[in-house]
Amino acid sequence: MMRKNTVAKEFLKRTSKKAYVSLRTWKGIPVGKGPGSSGATVAETVVGLYKVFKSDVDHNELIEIAAEGEKVASGFPHPDNVSASILGGLVLMCQRKPLRAISLPISVKRG
């Protein structure tokens, strides 16, 4: 719960929005299972706020904001953990300060 609160506060601060936000999450990933369970939580929080507030924040800043939630869990922001949940595809972290990430679509051939 603390990670979502941190992300919501960071989003509101960076976008200069003023609001009371109440968050409820269901992600379908069992606690402690799956790749990036905590990253998925903060990613869905920041993307949800982005959509609700129709903010003009770019994807790199969304990743930075979400990484602050990961900082609560591990003591260090992990943009690599949240970027895949936000962007999808194969994500390349090209630069850290300022953050620059790009997503490359993945196509899988079957058969």
PDB file of N, CA and C in Angstrom:
ATOM      1  N   MET A   1       0.822  -1.194   0.000  1.00  0.00           N
ATOM      2  CA  MET A   1       0.000   0.000   0.000  1.00  0.00           C
ATOM      3  C   MET A   1       0.865   1.258   0.000  1.00  0.00           C
ATOM      4  N   MET A   2       1.956   1.229   0.738  1.00  0.00           N
ATOM      5  CA  MET A   2       2.820   2.399   0.841  1.00  0.00           C
ATOM      6  C   MET A   2       3.403   2.796  -0.514  1.00  0.00           C
ATOM      7  N   ARG A   3       3.734   1.817  -1.357  1.00  0.00           N
ATOM      8  CA  ARG A   3       4.300   2.126  -2.673  1.00  0.00           C
ATOM      9  C   ARG A   3       3.315   2.916  -3.528  1.00  0.00           C
ATOM     10  N   LYS A   4       2.043   2.506  -3.506  1.00  0.00           N
ATOM     11  CA  LYS A   4       1.032   3.207  -4.292  1.00  0.00           C
ATOM     12  C   LYS A   4       0.864   4.634  -3.795  1.00  0.00           C
ATOM     13  N   ASN A   5       0.855   4.822  -2.468  1.00  0.00           N
ATOM     14  CA  ASN A   5       0.725   6.165  -1.907  1.00  0.00           C
ATOM     15  C   ASN A   5       1.897   7.046  -2.327  1.00  0.00           C
ATOM     16  N   THR A   6       3.093   6.494  -2.282  1.00  0.00           N
ATOM     17  CA  THR A   6       4.286   7.234  -2.676  1.00  0.00           C
ATOM     18  C   THR A   6       4.194   7.654  -4.136  1.00  0.00           C
ATOM     19  N   VAL A   7       3.769   6.738  -4.989  1.00  0.00           N
ATOM     20  CA  VAL A   7       3.646   7.015  -6.414  1.00  0.00           C
ATOM     21  C   VAL A   7       2.573   8.072  -6.662  1.00  0.00           C
ATOM     22  N   ALA A   8       1.442   7.959  -5.993  1.00  0.00           N
ATOM     23  CA  ALA A   8       0.364   8.940  -6.173  1.00  0.00           C
ATOM     24  C   ALA A   8       0.833  10.332  -5.745  1.00  0.00           C
ATOM     25  N   LYS A   9       1.504  10.425  -4.614  1.00  0.00           N
ATOM     26  CA  LYS A   9       2.011  11.721  -4.140  1.00  0.00           C
ATOM     27  C   LYS A   9       3.037  12.292  -5.114  1.00  0.00           C
ATOM     28  N   GLU A  10       3.923  11.453  -5.615  1.00  0.00           N
ATOM     29  CA  GLU A  10       4.948  11.902  -6.559  1.00  0.00           C
ATOM     30  C   GLU A  10       4.313  12.373  -7.867  1.00  0.00           C
ATOM     31  N   PHE A  11       3.320  11.644  -8.349  1.00  0.00           N
ATOM     32  CA  PHE A  11       2.625  12.029  -9.573  1.00  0.00           C
ATOM     33  C   PHE A  11       1.952  13.395  -9.395  1.00  0.00           C
ATOM     34  N   LEU A  12       1.218  13.553  -8.304  1.00  0.00           N
ATOM     35  CA  LEU A  12       0.514  14.813  -8.056  1.00  0.00           C
ATOM     36  C   LEU A  12       1.498  15.975  -7.920  1.00  0.00           C
ATOM     37  N   LYS A  13       2.624  15.732  -7.258  1.00  0.00           N
ATOM     38  CA  LYS A  13       3.636  16.774  -7.091  1.00  0.00           C
ATOM     39  C   LYS A  13       4.223  17.193  -8.440  1.00  0.00           C
ATOM     40  N   ARG A  14       4.610  16.217  -9.252  1.00  0.00           N
ATOM     41  CA  ARG A  14       5.258  16.529 -10.535  1.00  0.00           C
ATOM     42  C   ARG A  14       4.313  17.134 -11.560  1.00  0.00           C
ATOM     43  N   THR A  15       3.031  16.850 -11.426  1.00  0.00           N
ATOM     44  CA  THR A  15       2.061  17.388 -12.388  1.00  0.00           C
ATOM     45  C   THR A  15       1.313  18.601 -11.834  1.00  0.00           C
ATOM     46  N   SER A  16       1.636  19.008 -10.608  1.00  0.00           N
ATOM     47  CA  SER A  16       0.993  20.153  -9.943  1.00  0.00           C
ATOM     48  C   SER A  16      -0.520  19.985  -9.833  1.00  0.00           C
ATOM     49  N   LYS A  17      -0.961  18.744  -9.697  1.00  0.00           N
ATOM     50  CA  LYS A  17      -2.380  18.465  -9.508  1.00  0.00           C
ATOM     51  C   LYS A  17      -2.680  18.427  -8.016  1.00  0.00           C
ATOM     52  N   LYS A  18      -3.885  18.827  -7.668  1.00  0.00           N
ATOM     53  CA  LYS A  18      -4.311  18.761  -6.279  1.00  0.00           C
ATOM     54  C   LYS A  18      -5.552  17.869  -6.237  1.00  0.00           C
ATOM     55  N   ALA A  19      -5.465  16.805  -5.471  1.00  0.00           N
ATOM     56  CA  ALA A  19      -6.585  15.872  -5.396  1.00  0.00           C
ATOM     57  C   ALA A  19      -6.408  14.954  -4.207  1.00  0.00           C
ATOM     58  N   TYR A  20      -7.518  14.419  -3.733  1.00  0.00           N
ATOM     59  CA  TYR A  20      -7.489  13.337  -2.768  1.00  0.00           C
ATOM     60  C   TYR A  20      -7.643  12.071  -3.589  1.00  0.00           C
ATOM     61  N   VAL A  21      -6.721  11.156  -3.441  1.00  0.00           N
ATOM     62  CA  VAL A  21      -6.735   9.939  -4.239  1.00  0.00           C
ATOM     63  C   VAL A  21      -6.880   8.732  -3.327  1.00  0.00           C
ATOM     64  N   SER A  22      -7.827   7.877  -3.647  1.00  0.00           N
ATOM     65  CA  SER A  22      -8.006   6.613  -2.950  1.00  0.00           C
ATOM     66  C   SER A  22      -7.768   5.509  -3.975  1.00  0.00           C
ATOM     67  N   LEU A  23      -6.866   4.597  -3.658  1.00  0.00           N
ATOM     68  CA  LEU A  23      -6.470   3.569  -4.613  1.00  0.00           C
ATOM     69  C   LEU A  23      -6.835   2.179  -4.123  1.00  0.00           C
ATOM     70  N   ARG A  24      -7.283   1.373  -5.063  1.00  0.00           N
ATOM     71  CA  ARG A  24      -7.560  -0.037  -4.799  1.00  0.00           C
ATOM     72  C   ARG A  24      -6.986  -0.816  -5.966  1.00  0.00           C
ATOM     73  N   THR A  25      -6.248  -1.863  -5.668  1.00  0.00           N
ATOM     74  CA  THR A  25      -5.541  -2.593  -6.715  1.00  0.00           C
ATOM     75  C   THR A  25      -5.948  -4.057  -6.738  1.00  0.00           C
ATOM     76  N   TRP A  26      -6.139  -4.562  -7.935  1.00  0.00           N
ATOM     77  CA  TRP A  26      -6.231  -5.992  -8.168  1.00  0.00           C
ATOM     78  C   TRP A  26      -5.447  -6.255  -9.423  1.00  0.00           C
ATOM     79  N   LYS A  27      -4.368  -7.004  -9.303  1.00  0.00           N
ATOM     80  CA  LYS A  27      -3.527  -7.223 -10.473  1.00  0.00           C
ATOM     81  C   LYS A  27      -3.468  -8.680 -10.908  1.00  0.00           C
ATOM     82  N   GLY A  28      -3.941  -9.586 -10.094  1.00  0.00           N
ATOM     83  CA  GLY A  28      -3.966 -10.981 -10.495  1.00  0.00           C
ATOM     84  C   GLY A  28      -2.631 -11.695 -10.407  1.00  0.00           C
ATOM     85  N   ILE A  29      -1.639 -11.050  -9.841  1.00  0.00           N
ATOM     86  CA  ILE A  29      -0.335 -11.683  -9.648  1.00  0.00           C
ATOM     87  C   ILE A  29      -0.224 -12.012  -8.163  1.00  0.00           C
ATOM     88  N   PRO A  30      -0.080 -13.283  -7.797  1.00  0.00           N
ATOM     89  CA  PRO A  30       0.042 -13.615  -6.380  1.00  0.00           C
ATOM     90  C   PRO A  30       1.245 -12.901  -5.758  1.00  0.00           C
ATOM     91  N   VAL A  31       1.083 -12.479  -4.502  1.00  0.00           N
ATOM     92  CA  VAL A  31       2.142 -11.774  -3.793  1.00  0.00           C
ATOM     93  C   VAL A  31       3.412 -12.611  -3.791  1.00  0.00           C
ATOM     94  N   GLY A  32       4.514 -11.993  -4.192  1.00  0.00           N
ATOM     95  CA  GLY A  32       5.804 -12.667  -4.209  1.00  0.00           C
ATOM     96  C   GLY A  32       5.999 -13.614  -5.378  1.00  0.00           C
ATOM     97  N   LYS A  33       5.075 -13.629  -6.310  1.00  0.00           N
ATOM     98  CA  LYS A  33       5.165 -14.522  -7.469  1.00  0.00           C
ATOM     99  C   LYS A  33       5.205 -13.694  -8.744  1.00  0.00           C
ATOM    100  N   GLY A  34       5.742 -14.259  -9.757  1.00  0.00           N
ATOM    101  CA  GLY A  34       5.728 -13.585 -11.054  1.00  0.00           C
ATOM    102  C   GLY A  34       6.790 -12.509 -11.155  1.00  0.00           C
ATOM    103  N   PRO A  35       7.055 -12.103 -12.362  1.00  0.00           N
ATOM    104  CA  PRO A  35       8.086 -11.088 -12.582  1.00  0.00           C
ATOM    105  C   PRO A  35       7.578  -9.697 -12.225  1.00  0.00           C
ATOM    106  N   GLY A  36       8.235  -9.063 -11.287  1.00  0.00           N
ATOM    107  CA  GLY A  36       7.948  -7.664 -10.985  1.00  0.00           C
ATOM    108  C   GLY A  36       6.592  -7.377 -10.396  1.00  0.00           C
ATOM    109  N   SER A  37       6.181  -8.155  -9.411  1.00  0.00           N
ATOM    110  CA  SER A  37       4.879  -7.935  -8.784  1.00  0.00           C
ATOM    111  C   SER A  37       4.748  -6.527  -8.226  1.00  0.00           C
ATOM    112  N   SER A  38       5.755  -6.048  -7.512  1.00  0.00           N
ATOM    113  CA  SER A  38       5.679  -4.690  -6.952  1.00  0.00           C
ATOM    114  C   SER A  38       5.774  -3.658  -8.062  1.00  0.00           C
ATOM    115  N   GLY A  39       6.580  -3.932  -9.078  1.00  0.00           N
ATOM    116  CA  GLY A  39       6.684  -3.020 -10.219  1.00  0.00           C
ATOM    117  C   GLY A  39       5.367  -2.887 -10.957  1.00  0.00           C
ATOM    118  N   ALA A  40       4.640  -3.990 -11.080  1.00  0.00           N
ATOM    119  CA  ALA A  40       3.339  -3.956 -11.746  1.00  0.00           C
ATOM    120  C   ALA A  40       2.358  -3.092 -10.956  1.00  0.00           C
ATOM    121  N   THR A  41       2.429  -3.147  -9.640  1.00  0.00           N
ATOM    122  CA  THR A  41       1.539  -2.357  -8.792  1.00  0.00           C
ATOM    123  C   THR A  41       1.772  -0.868  -8.989  1.00  0.00           C
ATOM    124  N   VAL A  42       3.027  -0.440  -8.922  1.00  0.00           N
ATOM    125  CA  VAL A  42       3.289   0.995  -9.066  1.00  0.00           C
ATOM    126  C   VAL A  42       3.076   1.457 -10.508  1.00  0.00           C
ATOM    127  N   ALA A  43       3.330   0.577 -11.471  1.00  0.00           N
ATOM    128  CA  ALA A  43       3.097   0.936 -12.875  1.00  0.00           C
ATOM    129  C   ALA A  43       1.612   1.154 -13.128  1.00  0.00           C
ATOM    130  N   GLU A  44       0.770   0.267 -12.623  1.00  0.00           N
ATOM    131  CA  GLU A  44      -0.666   0.451 -12.839  1.00  0.00           C
ATOM    132  C   GLU A  44      -1.169   1.698 -12.124  1.00  0.00           C
ATOM    133  N   THR A  45      -0.576   2.031 -11.001  1.00  0.00           N
ATOM    134  CA  THR A  45      -0.970   3.237 -10.271  1.00  0.00           C
ATOM    135  C   THR A  45      -0.653   4.486 -11.096  1.00  0.00           C
ATOM    136  N   VAL A  46       0.571   4.586 -11.587  1.00  0.00           N
ATOM    137  CA  VAL A  46       0.965   5.787 -12.320  1.00  0.00           C
ATOM    138  C   VAL A  46       0.229   5.900 -13.658  1.00  0.00           C
ATOM    139  N   VAL A  47       0.014   4.794 -14.345  1.00  0.00           N
ATOM    140  CA  VAL A  47      -0.712   4.840 -15.613  1.00  0.00           C
ATOM    141  C   VAL A  47      -2.184   5.194 -15.372  1.00  0.00           C
ATOM    142  N   GLY A  48      -2.753   4.667 -14.312  1.00  0.00           N
ATOM    143  CA  GLY A  48      -4.139   5.011 -13.965  1.00  0.00           C
ATOM    144  C   GLY A  48      -4.287   6.497 -13.668  1.00  0.00           C
ATOM    145  N   LEU A  49      -3.368   7.051 -12.888  1.00  0.00           N
ATOM    146  CA  LEU A  49      -3.416   8.483 -12.586  1.00  0.00           C
ATOM    147  C   LEU A  49      -3.219   9.316 -13.853  1.00  0.00           C
ATOM    148  N   TYR A  50      -2.325   8.876 -14.698  1.00  0.00           N
ATOM    149  CA  TYR A  50      -2.074   9.550 -15.981  1.00  0.00           C
ATOM    150  C   TYR A  50      -3.362   9.627 -16.800  1.00  0.00           C
ATOM    151  N   LYS A  51      -4.090   8.532 -16.856  1.00  0.00           N
ATOM    152  CA  LYS A  51      -5.333   8.499 -17.634  1.00  0.00           C
ATOM    153  C   LYS A  51      -6.442   9.321 -16.983  1.00  0.00           C
ATOM    154  N   VAL A  52      -6.554   9.248 -15.671  1.00  0.00           N
ATOM    155  CA  VAL A  52      -7.598   9.998 -14.967  1.00  0.00           C
ATOM    156  C   VAL A  52      -7.381  11.503 -15.109  1.00  0.00           C
ATOM    157  N   PHE A  53      -6.152  11.951 -14.927  1.00  0.00           N
ATOM    158  CA  PHE A  53      -5.847  13.381 -14.963  1.00  0.00           C
ATOM    159  C   PHE A  53      -5.510  13.898 -16.362  1.00  0.00           C
ATOM    160  N   LYS A  54      -5.454  13.006 -17.339  1.00  0.00           N
ATOM    161  CA  LYS A  54      -5.128  13.388 -18.715  1.00  0.00           C
ATOM    162  C   LYS A  54      -3.903  14.308 -18.744  1.00  0.00           C
ATOM    163  N   SER A  55      -2.882  13.852 -18.071  1.00  0.00           N
ATOM    164  CA  SER A  55      -1.647  14.620 -17.910  1.00  0.00           C
ATOM    165  C   SER A  55      -0.812  14.614 -19.185  1.00  0.00           C
ATOM    166  N   ASP A  56       0.038  15.614 -19.330  1.00  0.00           N
ATOM    167  CA  ASP A  56       0.924  15.680 -20.492  1.00  0.00           C
ATOM    168  C   ASP A  56       2.325  15.146 -20.173  1.00  0.00           C
ATOM    169  N   VAL A  57       2.445  14.378 -19.114  1.00  0.00           N
ATOM    170  CA  VAL A  57       3.718  13.766 -18.721  1.00  0.00           C
ATOM    171  C   VAL A  57       4.105  12.724 -19.768  1.00  0.00           C
ATOM    172  N   ASP A  58       5.373  12.694 -20.169  1.00  0.00           N
ATOM    173  CA  ASP A  58       5.799  11.690 -21.152  1.00  0.00           C
ATOM    174  C   ASP A  58       6.118  10.362 -20.471  1.00  0.00           C
ATOM    175  N   HIS A  59       6.312   9.314 -21.279  1.00  0.00           N
ATOM    176  CA  HIS A  59       6.509   7.971 -20.724  1.00  0.00           C
ATOM    177  C   HIS A  59       7.771   7.881 -19.866  1.00  0.00           C
ATOM    178  N   ASN A  60       8.797   8.654 -20.172  1.00  0.00           N
ATOM    179  CA  ASN A  60      10.013   8.607 -19.362  1.00  0.00           C
ATOM    180  C   ASN A  60       9.759   9.124 -17.946  1.00  0.00           C
ATOM    181  N   GLU A  61       8.977  10.187 -17.840  1.00  0.00           N
ATOM    182  CA  GLU A  61       8.668  10.704 -16.501  1.00  0.00           C
ATOM    183  C   GLU A  61       7.730   9.760 -15.756  1.00  0.00           C
ATOM    184  N   LEU A  62       6.800   9.123 -16.457  1.00  0.00           N
ATOM    185  CA  LEU A  62       5.944   8.123 -15.802  1.00  0.00           C
ATOM    186  C   LEU A  62       6.796   7.007 -15.205  1.00  0.00           C
ATOM    187  N   ILE A  63       7.809   6.589 -15.934  1.00  0.00           N
ATOM    188  CA  ILE A  63       8.705   5.544 -15.434  1.00  0.00           C
ATOM    189  C   ILE A  63       9.466   6.038 -14.201  1.00  0.00           C
ATOM    190  N   GLU A  64       9.950   7.268 -14.253  1.00  0.00           N
ATOM    191  CA  GLU A  64      10.659   7.851 -13.102  1.00  0.00           C
ATOM    192  C   GLU A  64       9.756   7.901 -11.869  1.00  0.00           C
ATOM    193  N   ILE A  65       8.506   8.314 -12.066  1.00  0.00           N
ATOM    194  CA  ILE A  65       7.557   8.399 -10.950  1.00  0.00           C
ATOM    195  C   ILE A  65       7.312   7.011 -10.373  1.00  0.00           C
ATOM    196  N   ALA A  66       7.064   6.041 -11.231  1.00  0.00           N
ATOM    197  CA  ALA A  66       6.822   4.669 -10.773  1.00  0.00           C
ATOM    198  C   ALA A  66       8.050   4.106 -10.055  1.00  0.00           C
ATOM    199  N   ALA A  67       9.234   4.456 -10.523  1.00  0.00           N
ATOM    200  CA  ALA A  67      10.466   3.971  -9.896  1.00  0.00           C
ATOM    201  C   ALA A  67      10.579   4.435  -8.443  1.00  0.00           C
ATOM    202  N   GLU A  68       9.985   5.587  -8.133  1.00  0.00           N
ATOM    203  CA  GLU A  68       9.987   6.064  -6.746  1.00  0.00           C
ATOM    204  C   GLU A  68       9.232   5.097  -5.833  1.00  0.00           C
ATOM    205  N   GLY A  69       8.206   4.447  -6.371  1.00  0.00           N
ATOM    206  CA  GLY A  69       7.481   3.437  -5.593  1.00  0.00           C
ATOM    207  C   GLY A  69       8.341   2.224  -5.318  1.00  0.00           C
ATOM    208  N   GLU A  70       9.164   1.850  -6.275  1.00  0.00           N
ATOM    209  CA  GLU A  70      10.094   0.738  -6.087  1.00  0.00           C
ATOM    210  C   GLU A  70      11.148   1.086  -5.035  1.00  0.00           C
ATOM    211  N   LYS A  71      11.464   2.361  -4.927  1.00  0.00           N
ATOM    212  CA  LYS A  71      12.439   2.821  -3.932  1.00  0.00           C
ATOM    213  C   LYS A  71      11.953   2.494  -2.510  1.00  0.00           C
ATOM    214  N   VAL A  72      10.648   2.588  -2.297  1.00  0.00           N
ATOM    215  CA  VAL A  72      10.073   2.267  -0.990  1.00  0.00           C
ATOM    216  C   VAL A  72      10.311   0.800  -0.655  1.00  0.00           C
ATOM    217  N   ALA A  73      10.189  -0.062  -1.652  1.00  0.00           N
ATOM    218  CA  ALA A  73      10.331  -1.504  -1.436  1.00  0.00           C
ATOM    219  C   ALA A  73      11.784  -1.934  -1.269  1.00  0.00           C
ATOM    220  N   SER A  74      12.690  -1.314  -2.050  1.00  0.00           N
ATOM    221  CA  SER A  74      14.060  -1.840  -2.073  1.00  0.00           C
ATOM    222  C   SER A  74      15.132  -0.841  -1.660  1.00  0.00           C
ATOM    223  N   GLY A  75      14.751   0.408  -1.437  1.00  0.00           N
ATOM    224  CA  GLY A  75      15.729   1.410  -1.050  1.00  0.00           C
ATOM    225  C   GLY A  75      16.371   2.129  -2.228  1.00  0.00           C
ATOM    226  N   PHE A  76      16.052   1.704  -3.444  1.00  0.00           N
ATOM    227  CA  PHE A  76      16.630   2.313  -4.641  1.00  0.00           C
ATOM    228  C   PHE A  76      15.585   2.288  -5.748  1.00  0.00           C
ATOM    229  N   PRO A  77      15.437   3.382  -6.507  1.00  0.00           N
ATOM    230  CA  PRO A  77      14.468   3.344  -7.608  1.00  0.00           C
ATOM    231  C   PRO A  77      14.928   2.391  -8.708  1.00  0.00           C
ATOM    232  N   HIS A  78      14.005   1.582  -9.198  1.00  0.00           N
ATOM    233  CA  HIS A  78      14.320   0.600 -10.244  1.00  0.00           C
ATOM    234  C   HIS A  78      13.473   0.872 -11.480  1.00  0.00           C
ATOM    235  N   PRO A  79      13.909   1.795 -12.337  1.00  0.00           N
ATOM    236  CA  PRO A  79      13.103   2.056 -13.529  1.00  0.00           C
ATOM    237  C   PRO A  79      13.029   0.856 -14.462  1.00  0.00           C
ATOM    238  N   ASP A  80      14.028  -0.021 -14.411  1.00  0.00           N
ATOM    239  CA  ASP A  80      13.996  -1.208 -15.273  1.00  0.00           C
ATOM    240  C   ASP A  80      12.846  -2.132 -14.902  1.00  0.00           C
ATOM    241  N   ASN A  81      12.492  -2.193 -13.624  1.00  0.00           N
ATOM    242  CA  ASN A  81      11.392  -3.056 -13.193  1.00  0.00           C
ATOM    243  C   ASN A  81      10.032  -2.549 -13.650  1.00  0.00           C
ATOM    244  N   VAL A  82       9.852  -1.245 -13.675  1.00  0.00           N
ATOM    245  CA  VAL A  82       8.534  -0.695 -13.997  1.00  0.00           C
ATOM    246  C   VAL A  82       8.362  -0.360 -15.472  1.00  0.00           C
ATOM    247  N   SER A  83       9.454  -0.168 -16.174  1.00  0.00           N
ATOM    248  CA  SER A  83       9.361   0.276 -17.570  1.00  0.00           C
ATOM    249  C   SER A  83       8.650  -0.734 -18.464  1.00  0.00           C
ATOM    250  N   ALA A  84       8.898  -2.007 -18.267  1.00  0.00           N
ATOM    251  CA  ALA A  84       8.234  -3.022 -19.098  1.00  0.00           C
ATOM    252  C   ALA A  84       6.732  -3.043 -18.853  1.00  0.00           C
ATOM    253  N   SER A  85       6.322  -2.841 -17.605  1.00  0.00           N
ATOM    254  CA  SER A  85       4.889  -2.801 -17.310  1.00  0.00           C
ATOM    255  C   SER A  85       4.222  -1.571 -17.907  1.00  0.00           C
ATOM    256  N   ILE A  86       4.943  -0.473 -17.996  1.00  0.00           N
ATOM    257  CA  ILE A  86       4.373   0.759 -18.530  1.00  0.00           C
ATOM    258  C   ILE A  86       4.392   0.770 -20.054  1.00  0.00           C
ATOM    259  N   LEU A  87       5.500   0.354 -20.647  1.00  0.00           N
ATOM    260  CA  LEU A  87       5.660   0.465 -22.098  1.00  0.00           C
ATOM    261  C   LEU A  87       5.298  -0.799 -22.869  1.00  0.00           C
ATOM    262  N   GLY A  88       5.519  -1.963 -22.281  1.00  0.00           N
ATOM    263  CA  GLY A  88       5.295  -3.219 -22.989  1.00  0.00           C
ATOM    264  C   GLY A  88       6.406  -3.484 -23.989  1.00  0.00           C
ATOM    265  N   GLY A  89       6.423  -4.659 -24.554  1.00  0.00           N
ATOM    266  CA  GLY A  89       7.450  -5.030 -25.529  1.00  0.00           C
ATOM    267  C   GLY A  89       8.801  -5.227 -24.859  1.00  0.00           C
ATOM    268  N   LEU A  90       9.839  -5.153 -25.650  1.00  0.00           N
ATOM    269  CA  LEU A  90      11.211  -5.234 -25.163  1.00  0.00           C
ATOM    270  C   LEU A  90      11.661  -3.811 -24.883  1.00  0.00           C
ATOM    271  N   VAL A  91      12.009  -3.508 -23.642  1.00  0.00           N
ATOM    272  CA  VAL A  91      12.344  -2.136 -23.263  1.00  0.00           C
ATOM    273  C   VAL A  91      13.846  -1.987 -23.112  1.00  0.00           C
ATOM    274  N   LEU A  92      14.376  -0.964 -23.768  1.00  0.00           N
ATOM    275  CA  LEU A  92      15.788  -0.627 -23.650  1.00  0.00           C
ATOM    276  C   LEU A  92      15.923   0.636 -22.829  1.00  0.00           C
ATOM    277  N   MET A  93      16.745   0.562 -21.789  1.00  0.00           N
ATOM    278  CA  MET A  93      17.043   1.744 -20.986  1.00  0.00           C
ATOM    279  C   MET A  93      18.284   2.367 -21.610  1.00  0.00           C
ATOM    280  N   CYS A  94      18.106   3.444 -22.346  1.00  0.00           N
ATOM    281  CA  CYS A  94      19.195   4.060 -23.101  1.00  0.00           C
ATOM    282  C   CYS A  94      20.024   5.010 -22.245  1.00  0.00           C
ATOM    283  N   GLN A  95      19.409   5.568 -21.236  1.00  0.00           N
ATOM    284  CA  GLN A  95      20.071   6.582 -20.435  1.00  0.00           C
ATOM    285  C   GLN A  95      19.348   6.668 -19.099  1.00  0.00           C
ATOM    286  N   ARG A  96      20.088   6.944 -18.032  1.00  0.00           N
ATOM    287  CA  ARG A  96      19.467   7.005 -16.699  1.00  0.00           C
ATOM    288  C   ARG A  96      19.163   8.433 -16.256  1.00  0.00           C
ATOM    289  N   LYS A  97      20.060   9.359 -16.440  1.00  0.00           N
ATOM    290  CA  LYS A  97      19.843  10.745 -15.999  1.00  0.00           C
ATOM    291  C   LYS A  97      20.099  11.700 -17.143  1.00  0.00           C
ATOM    292  N   PRO A  98      19.105  12.283 -17.750  1.00  0.00           N
ATOM    293  CA  PRO A  98      17.689  11.997 -17.555  1.00  0.00           C
ATOM    294  C   PRO A  98      17.323  10.652 -18.183  1.00  0.00           C
ATOM    295  N   LEU A  99      16.301  10.058 -17.621  1.00  0.00           N
ATOM    296  CA  LEU A  99      15.897   8.735 -18.083  1.00  0.00           C
ATOM    297  C   LEU A  99      15.408   8.794 -19.529  1.00  0.00           C
ATOM    298  N   ARG A 100      15.836   7.809 -20.302  1.00  0.00           N
ATOM    299  CA  ARG A 100      15.364   7.668 -21.682  1.00  0.00           C
ATOM    300  C   ARG A 100      15.201   6.185 -21.957  1.00  0.00           C
ATOM    301  N   ALA A 101      13.960   5.775 -22.141  1.00  0.00           N
ATOM    302  CA  ALA A 101      13.642   4.371 -22.406  1.00  0.00           C
ATOM    303  C   ALA A 101      12.861   4.272 -23.706  1.00  0.00           C
ATOM    304  N   ILE A 102      13.101   3.201 -24.434  1.00  0.00           N
ATOM    305  CA  ILE A 102      12.334   2.957 -25.653  1.00  0.00           C
ATOM    306  C   ILE A 102      11.816   1.520 -25.636  1.00  0.00           C
ATOM    307  N   SER A 103      10.683   1.338 -26.272  1.00  0.00           N
ATOM    308  CA  SER A 103      10.056   0.024 -26.351  1.00  0.00           C
ATOM    309  C   SER A 103      10.118  -0.474 -27.779  1.00  0.00           C
ATOM    310  N   LEU A 104      10.555  -1.694 -27.915  1.00  0.00           N
ATOM    311  CA  LEU A 104      10.593  -2.353 -29.223  1.00  0.00           C
ATOM    312  C   LEU A 104       9.540  -3.444 -29.214  1.00  0.00           C
ATOM    313  N   PRO A 105       8.631  -3.433 -30.174  1.00  0.00           N
ATOM    314  CA  PRO A 105       7.612  -4.479 -30.200  1.00  0.00           C
ATOM    315  C   PRO A 105       8.223  -5.843 -30.455  1.00  0.00           C
ATOM    316  N   ILE A 106       7.601  -6.833 -29.892  1.00  0.00           N
ATOM    317  CA  ILE A 106       8.068  -8.208 -30.064  1.00  0.00           C
ATOM    318  C   ILE A 106       6.991  -8.960 -30.827  1.00  0.00           C
ATOM    319  N   SER A 107       7.381  -9.629 -31.872  1.00  0.00           N
ATOM    320  CA  SER A 107       6.416 -10.484 -32.558  1.00  0.00           C
ATOM    321  C   SER A 107       6.917 -11.906 -32.470  1.00  0.00           C
ATOM    322  N   VAL A 108       6.024 -12.782 -32.155  1.00  0.00           N
ATOM    323  CA  VAL A 108       6.355 -14.188 -31.966  1.00  0.00           C
ATOM    324  C   VAL A 108       5.735 -14.987 -33.099  1.00  0.00           C
ATOM    325  N   LYS A 109       6.543 -15.740 -33.804  1.00  0.00           N
ATOM    326  CA  LYS A 109       6.028 -16.623 -34.859  1.00  0.00           C
ATOM    327  C   LYS A 109       5.652 -17.950 -34.233  1.00  0.00           C
ATOM    328  N   ARG A 110       4.508 -18.408 -34.570  1.00  0.00           N
ATOM    329  CA  ARG A 110       4.045 -19.689 -34.038  1.00  0.00           C
ATOM    330  C   ARG A 110       3.929 -20.683 -35.176  1.00  0.00           C
ATOM    331  N   GLY A 111       4.169 -21.925 -34.812  1.00  0.00           N
ATOM    332  CA  GLY A 111       3.936 -22.958 -35.816  1.00  0.00           C
ATOM    333  C   GLY A 111       5.114 -23.513 -36.405  1.00  0.00           C
TER     334      GLY A 111
END
